[in-house]
Amino acid sequence: MRCFKETVIGAVLSFTLLILWGDRPEAAEPKESLSEQEFIAGNVLLTLYHEAGHALISIFDLPIPGSEEDAADAFSVLALTEELKQGEMSEVRETKLDNYLFATALYWLVMSEDEEADPADQPGEHSLDSQRLLQHLCLVYGSDPEVYIDLPRDFAVEDRITSSCQQTYEQTIGGWENLLEPYLLGDLLAVDKLTVIEEAPDPQYQGYRAWLHVHGILDEFEGFIENSFNLPTKITLRLKSCGEANAFWDPQTLEIILCDEQVAEYSHVYEELQLAK
């Protein structure tokens, strides 16, 4: 049984949780730091998996019960936790995936700070960031409670992330598996079904664009799509400067759009975490 590698929590975590959920036990001190590269990589990859969830729902007309946004959030977590549960991978890979999951939880935590207290006042397609954080933590914990035994305590949500999350995880992964089973690649040969198109970025984002290649994020996403699903047609991942932080699936053009500003936002949030230590 692998051991969960603790990452950045620090003073910002306990401080933010006091804002969200009142006087909670102080978060544990981290054993090692989560690097900016890991933080950005994890959030970019799970963002791409989230949009892939939308793409699959759209392309295969999947009958998703409830919120499609919540389903896509869950899909992004399942993509990593199911790889971790398969085992037979290097410790370096295990640590990287654990850190990616933790990085996204930290992002939702920071984004929760400016929310209104009453969820009823915030209608919209997406759940509140605090709700997205709790769903994320519940699925990660539920995927392997023994490995992630300290996760509820680290985020001071022991009364919300409980043993019931294991059932939540099993129901969620079971639902996605039933929907996607007819469309899995299986024994078929992987074929080129994802095209990456890069529009010229705003000069201020050139470094972020180059960083995606250096760290292999685009290759990892392409491999996941082409080795997992029997897509009936090609889809596109388009990188562009949009004028705002965003990422989305366009069902008309069959494109996942990743805005340079969204990648930059992850870097800015990481800087906030460092300043708050």
Protein backbone atom coordinates (compact mmCIF):
# COMPACT_ATOMS: atom_id res chain seq x y z
CA MET A 1 0.00 0.00 0.00
CA ARG A 2 1.45 3.33 -1.05
CA CYS A 3 1.63 6.24 1.36
CA PHE A 4 0.15 9.63 0.54
CA LYS A 5 2.89 12.22 0.11
CA GLU A 6 1.93 15.38 2.04
CA THR A 7 2.36 18.63 0.18
CA VAL A 8 1.86 22.34 0.84
CA ILE A 9 -0.70 23.20 3.48
CA GLY A 10 0.92 25.78 5.74
CA ALA A 11 -0.56 28.86 7.37
CA VAL A 12 -2.67 29.88 4.38
CA LEU A 13 -4.69 26.66 4.63
CA SER A 14 -5.63 26.97 8.28
CA PHE A 15 -6.32 30.70 7.85
CA THR A 16 -8.62 30.21 4.86
CA LEU A 17 -10.52 27.39 6.49
CA LEU A 18 -11.21 29.58 9.51
CA ILE A 19 -12.90 31.99 7.11
CA LEU A 20 -14.95 29.28 5.39
CA TRP A 21 -15.91 26.92 8.18
CA GLY A 22 -15.23 28.62 11.49
CA ASP A 23 -12.86 27.65 14.28
CA ARG A 24 -11.43 24.35 13.10
CA PRO A 25 -8.33 22.37 14.19
CA GLU A 26 -5.13 23.85 12.81
CA ALA A 27 -3.84 22.14 9.67
CA ALA A 28 -0.80 19.91 9.85
CA GLU A 29 2.56 21.29 8.79
CA PRO A 30 3.74 20.05 5.40
CA LYS A 31 6.63 17.63 5.09
CA GLU A 32 7.62 18.96 1.68
CA SER A 33 6.69 21.86 -0.55
CA LEU A 34 4.48 21.78 -3.59
CA SER A 35 6.44 23.50 -6.34
CA GLU A 36 4.97 26.11 -8.65
CA GLN A 37 5.51 23.71 -11.55
CA GLU A 38 3.46 20.99 -9.81
CA PHE A 39 0.75 23.44 -8.82
CA ILE A 40 0.32 24.79 -12.36
CA ALA A 41 0.65 21.37 -13.98
CA GLY A 42 -1.93 19.80 -11.72
CA ASN A 43 -4.47 22.53 -12.22
CA VAL A 44 -3.95 22.71 -15.99
CA LEU A 45 -4.23 18.94 -16.37
CA LEU A 46 -7.40 18.66 -14.29
CA THR A 47 -8.84 21.64 -16.19
CA LEU A 48 -8.22 19.80 -19.46
CA TYR A 49 -9.77 16.62 -18.04
CA HIS A 50 -12.78 18.66 -16.90
CA GLU A 51 -13.28 19.96 -20.44
CA ALA A 52 -12.72 16.44 -21.80
CA GLY A 53 -15.64 15.37 -19.62
CA HIS A 54 -17.80 17.99 -21.32
CA ALA A 55 -16.52 16.83 -24.71
CA LEU A 56 -17.44 13.20 -24.05
CA ILE A 57 -20.88 14.16 -22.76
CA SER A 58 -21.44 16.24 -25.89
CA ILE A 59 -20.00 13.88 -28.51
CA PHE A 60 -21.70 10.73 -27.19
CA ASP A 61 -24.84 12.52 -25.96
CA LEU A 62 -24.40 10.97 -22.53
CA PRO A 63 -27.47 11.18 -20.24
CA ILE A 64 -25.85 12.87 -17.27
CA PRO A 65 -28.14 13.13 -14.22
CA GLY A 66 -27.87 16.40 -12.35
CA SER A 67 -25.32 19.10 -13.07
CA GLU A 68 -23.05 18.57 -16.06
CA GLU A 69 -20.46 20.84 -14.46
CA ASP A 70 -20.36 18.69 -11.32
CA ALA A 71 -20.08 15.59 -13.50
CA ALA A 72 -17.15 17.10 -15.41
CA ASP A 73 -15.47 18.04 -12.13
CA ALA A 74 -15.85 14.44 -10.98
CA PHE A 75 -14.50 13.11 -14.28
CA SER A 76 -11.32 15.16 -13.88
CA VAL A 77 -10.67 13.64 -10.45
CA LEU A 78 -11.52 10.09 -11.57
CA ALA A 79 -9.05 10.32 -14.44
CA LEU A 80 -6.19 10.56 -11.93
CA THR A 81 -7.49 8.46 -9.03
CA GLU A 82 -8.27 5.51 -11.29
CA GLU A 83 -4.73 5.59 -12.66
CA LEU A 84 -3.41 5.63 -9.10
CA LYS A 85 -5.60 2.67 -8.13
CA GLN A 86 -4.19 0.56 -10.95
CA GLY A 87 -0.83 0.47 -9.18
CA GLU A 88 2.33 -0.81 -10.87
CA MET A 89 3.72 2.67 -11.40
CA SER A 90 6.85 4.37 -10.16
CA GLU A 91 6.91 6.21 -6.86
CA VAL A 92 7.76 9.37 -8.79
CA ARG A 93 4.56 9.03 -10.84
CA GLU A 94 2.46 8.30 -7.75
CA THR A 95 3.81 11.37 -6.01
CA LYS A 96 3.20 13.52 -9.08
CA LEU A 97 -0.45 12.46 -9.38
CA ASP A 98 -1.05 12.90 -5.65
CA ASN A 99 0.44 16.39 -5.87
CA TYR A 100 -1.74 17.23 -8.88
CA LEU A 101 -4.86 16.28 -6.91
CA PHE A 102 -3.68 18.30 -3.93
CA ALA A 103 -2.84 21.31 -6.10
CA THR A 104 -6.39 21.50 -7.43
CA ALA A 105 -7.82 21.28 -3.91
CA LEU A 106 -5.62 24.21 -2.88
CA TYR A 107 -6.79 26.20 -5.90
CA TRP A 108 -10.46 25.73 -5.01
CA LEU A 109 -9.63 26.65 -1.43
CA VAL A 110 -8.10 29.97 -2.43
CA MET A 111 -10.91 30.71 -4.89
CA SER A 112 -13.45 30.11 -2.11
CA GLU A 113 -12.27 33.06 -0.05
CA ASP A 114 -14.40 35.72 -1.76
CA GLU A 115 -17.62 33.72 -1.99
CA GLU A 116 -20.90 34.69 -0.44
CA ALA A 117 -21.79 32.67 2.65
CA ASP A 118 -25.24 31.60 1.36
CA PRO A 119 -25.07 29.22 -1.64
CA ALA A 120 -28.70 30.10 -2.44
CA ASP A 121 -27.51 33.55 -3.46
CA GLN A 122 -25.16 32.15 -6.11
CA PRO A 123 -27.14 30.47 -8.90
CA GLY A 124 -25.22 29.43 -11.99
CA GLU A 125 -23.89 26.54 -14.02
CA HIS A 126 -21.03 25.84 -11.63
CA SER A 127 -21.32 24.99 -7.97
CA LEU A 128 -19.69 27.35 -5.51
CA ASP A 129 -15.93 26.97 -5.33
CA SER A 130 -16.27 25.83 -1.72
CA GLN A 131 -18.68 23.12 -2.89
CA ARG A 132 -16.32 22.13 -5.69
CA LEU A 133 -13.54 21.85 -3.11
CA LEU A 134 -15.62 19.55 -0.91
CA GLN A 135 -16.63 17.35 -3.87
CA HIS A 136 -12.98 17.16 -4.92
CA LEU A 137 -11.81 16.19 -1.43
CA CYS A 138 -14.63 13.67 -1.00
CA LEU A 139 -13.78 11.88 -4.25
CA VAL A 140 -10.05 11.85 -3.58
CA TYR A 141 -10.56 10.54 -0.05
CA GLY A 142 -13.22 8.08 -1.16
CA SER A 143 -10.93 6.63 -3.84
CA ASP A 144 -8.66 5.17 -1.13
CA PRO A 145 -9.43 6.12 2.51
CA GLU A 146 -6.33 4.30 3.77
CA VAL A 147 -3.97 6.27 1.55
CA TYR A 148 -5.75 9.59 2.11
CA ILE A 149 -6.54 9.01 5.78
CA ASP A 150 -5.09 12.38 6.82
CA LEU A 151 -6.77 14.42 4.08
CA PRO A 152 -9.90 15.44 6.07
CA ARG A 153 -7.75 16.51 9.02
CA ASP A 154 -5.28 18.38 6.81
CA PHE A 155 -8.14 20.43 5.36
CA ALA A 156 -9.99 20.59 8.69
CA VAL A 157 -13.17 19.09 7.24
CA GLU A 158 -13.43 15.89 9.28
CA ASP A 159 -17.19 16.35 9.71
CA ARG A 160 -17.72 16.68 5.93
CA ILE A 161 -15.24 14.25 4.42
CA THR A 162 -16.22 10.96 6.06
CA SER A 163 -16.47 7.25 5.31
CA SER A 164 -19.57 7.96 3.22
CA CYS A 165 -17.24 9.42 0.57
CA GLN A 166 -16.11 5.90 -0.30
CA GLN A 167 -19.65 5.06 -1.37
CA THR A 168 -19.87 8.39 -3.19
CA TYR A 169 -16.72 7.54 -5.10
CA GLU A 170 -17.92 4.05 -6.01
CA GLN A 171 -21.26 5.39 -7.22
CA THR A 172 -19.59 8.16 -9.21
CA ILE A 173 -17.00 5.97 -10.92
CA GLY A 174 -19.65 3.32 -11.54
CA GLY A 175 -21.90 5.86 -13.21
CA TRP A 176 -19.15 7.14 -15.49
CA GLU A 177 -17.99 3.60 -16.35
CA ASN A 178 -21.52 2.56 -17.34
CA LEU A 179 -21.92 5.61 -19.55
CA LEU A 180 -18.52 5.32 -21.24
CA GLU A 181 -18.22 1.54 -21.60
CA PRO A 182 -19.53 1.46 -25.20
CA TYR A 183 -17.03 4.15 -26.21
CA LEU A 184 -13.81 2.94 -24.61
CA LEU A 185 -10.92 2.13 -26.91
CA GLY A 186 -10.37 -1.29 -25.34
CA ASP A 187 -8.26 -3.53 -27.59
CA LEU A 188 -8.52 -1.19 -30.56
CA LEU A 189 -5.37 0.57 -31.71
CA ALA A 190 -5.00 4.17 -30.63
CA VAL A 191 -5.39 6.60 -33.51
CA ASP A 192 -4.77 10.30 -33.94
CA LYS A 193 -8.01 11.87 -32.71
CA LEU A 194 -6.73 15.03 -30.99
CA THR A 195 -5.23 17.97 -32.86
CA VAL A 196 -3.41 20.67 -30.91
CA ILE A 197 -3.57 24.13 -32.48
CA GLU A 198 -1.68 27.04 -30.99
CA GLU A 199 -2.61 30.58 -31.84
CA ALA A 200 0.10 33.18 -31.32
CA PRO A 201 -0.08 34.16 -27.63
CA ASP A 202 -0.05 37.62 -26.17
CA PRO A 203 3.68 38.22 -25.52
CA GLN A 204 3.14 38.33 -21.75
CA TYR A 205 1.95 34.70 -21.85
CA GLN A 206 4.68 33.33 -24.11
CA GLY A 207 6.53 31.83 -21.15
CA TYR A 208 3.46 29.96 -19.92
CA ARG A 209 2.83 28.54 -23.38
CA ALA A 210 6.40 27.28 -23.64
CA TRP A 211 6.14 25.86 -20.13
CA LEU A 212 3.25 23.57 -21.14
CA HIS A 213 5.55 21.90 -23.67
CA VAL A 214 8.58 21.69 -21.41
CA HIS A 215 6.60 19.88 -18.72
CA GLY A 216 4.73 17.59 -21.11
CA ILE A 217 1.21 18.57 -20.05
CA LEU A 218 -0.14 18.66 -23.59
CA ASP A 219 1.43 15.30 -24.42
CA GLU A 220 -0.03 13.76 -21.28
CA PHE A 221 -3.51 15.00 -22.11
CA GLU A 222 -3.24 13.87 -25.74
CA GLY A 223 -2.14 10.42 -24.62
CA PHE A 224 -5.06 10.14 -22.22
CA ILE A 225 -7.64 11.01 -24.88
CA GLU A 226 -6.20 8.92 -27.71
CA ASN A 227 -5.47 5.84 -25.60
CA SER A 228 -8.79 5.79 -23.75
CA PHE A 229 -11.70 6.60 -26.04
CA ASN A 230 -12.95 5.49 -29.45
CA LEU A 231 -13.92 8.92 -30.69
CA PRO A 232 -15.99 9.02 -33.89
CA THR A 233 -14.27 12.18 -35.07
CA LYS A 234 -11.25 14.31 -34.37
CA ILE A 235 -11.41 16.99 -31.73
CA THR A 236 -9.11 19.96 -31.23
CA LEU A 237 -7.29 21.43 -28.27
CA ARG A 238 -6.82 25.10 -29.10
CA LEU A 239 -4.43 27.28 -27.09
CA LYS A 240 -5.06 31.01 -27.37
CA SER A 241 -5.08 34.31 -25.55
CA CYS A 242 -8.74 35.03 -24.81
CA GLY A 243 -8.72 38.30 -22.89
CA GLU A 244 -9.90 36.49 -19.76
CA ALA A 245 -9.04 33.47 -17.64
CA ASN A 246 -11.14 30.62 -19.03
CA ALA A 247 -11.25 27.13 -20.47
CA PHE A 248 -14.26 25.60 -22.21
CA TRP A 249 -15.58 23.02 -24.67
CA ASP A 250 -17.14 24.35 -27.88
CA PRO A 251 -19.55 21.69 -29.23
CA GLN A 252 -20.00 23.58 -32.52
CA THR A 253 -16.34 23.45 -33.52
CA LEU A 254 -15.46 20.33 -31.46
CA GLU A 255 -12.75 22.27 -29.68
CA ILE A 256 -11.43 22.45 -26.16
CA ILE A 257 -10.20 26.00 -25.63
CA LEU A 258 -7.47 26.62 -23.06
CA CYS A 259 -6.85 30.32 -22.54
CA ASP A 260 -3.34 31.51 -21.70
CA GLU A 261 -4.89 33.70 -19.02
CA GLN A 262 -6.16 30.61 -17.20
CA VAL A 263 -2.65 29.17 -16.98
CA ALA A 264 -1.40 32.55 -15.76
CA GLU A 265 -4.11 32.59 -13.10
CA TYR A 266 -2.79 29.34 -11.61
CA SER A 267 0.63 30.94 -11.33
CA HIS A 268 -0.85 34.00 -9.62
CA VAL A 269 -2.78 31.84 -7.13
CA TYR A 270 0.40 29.96 -6.30
CA GLU A 271 2.10 33.29 -5.60
CA GLU A 272 -0.78 34.18 -3.24
CA LEU A 273 -0.21 30.93 -1.38
CA GLN A 274 3.47 31.71 -0.98
CA LEU A 275 2.81 35.26 0.24
CA ALA A 276 0.30 34.04 2.81
CA LYS A 277 2.73 31.62 4.45
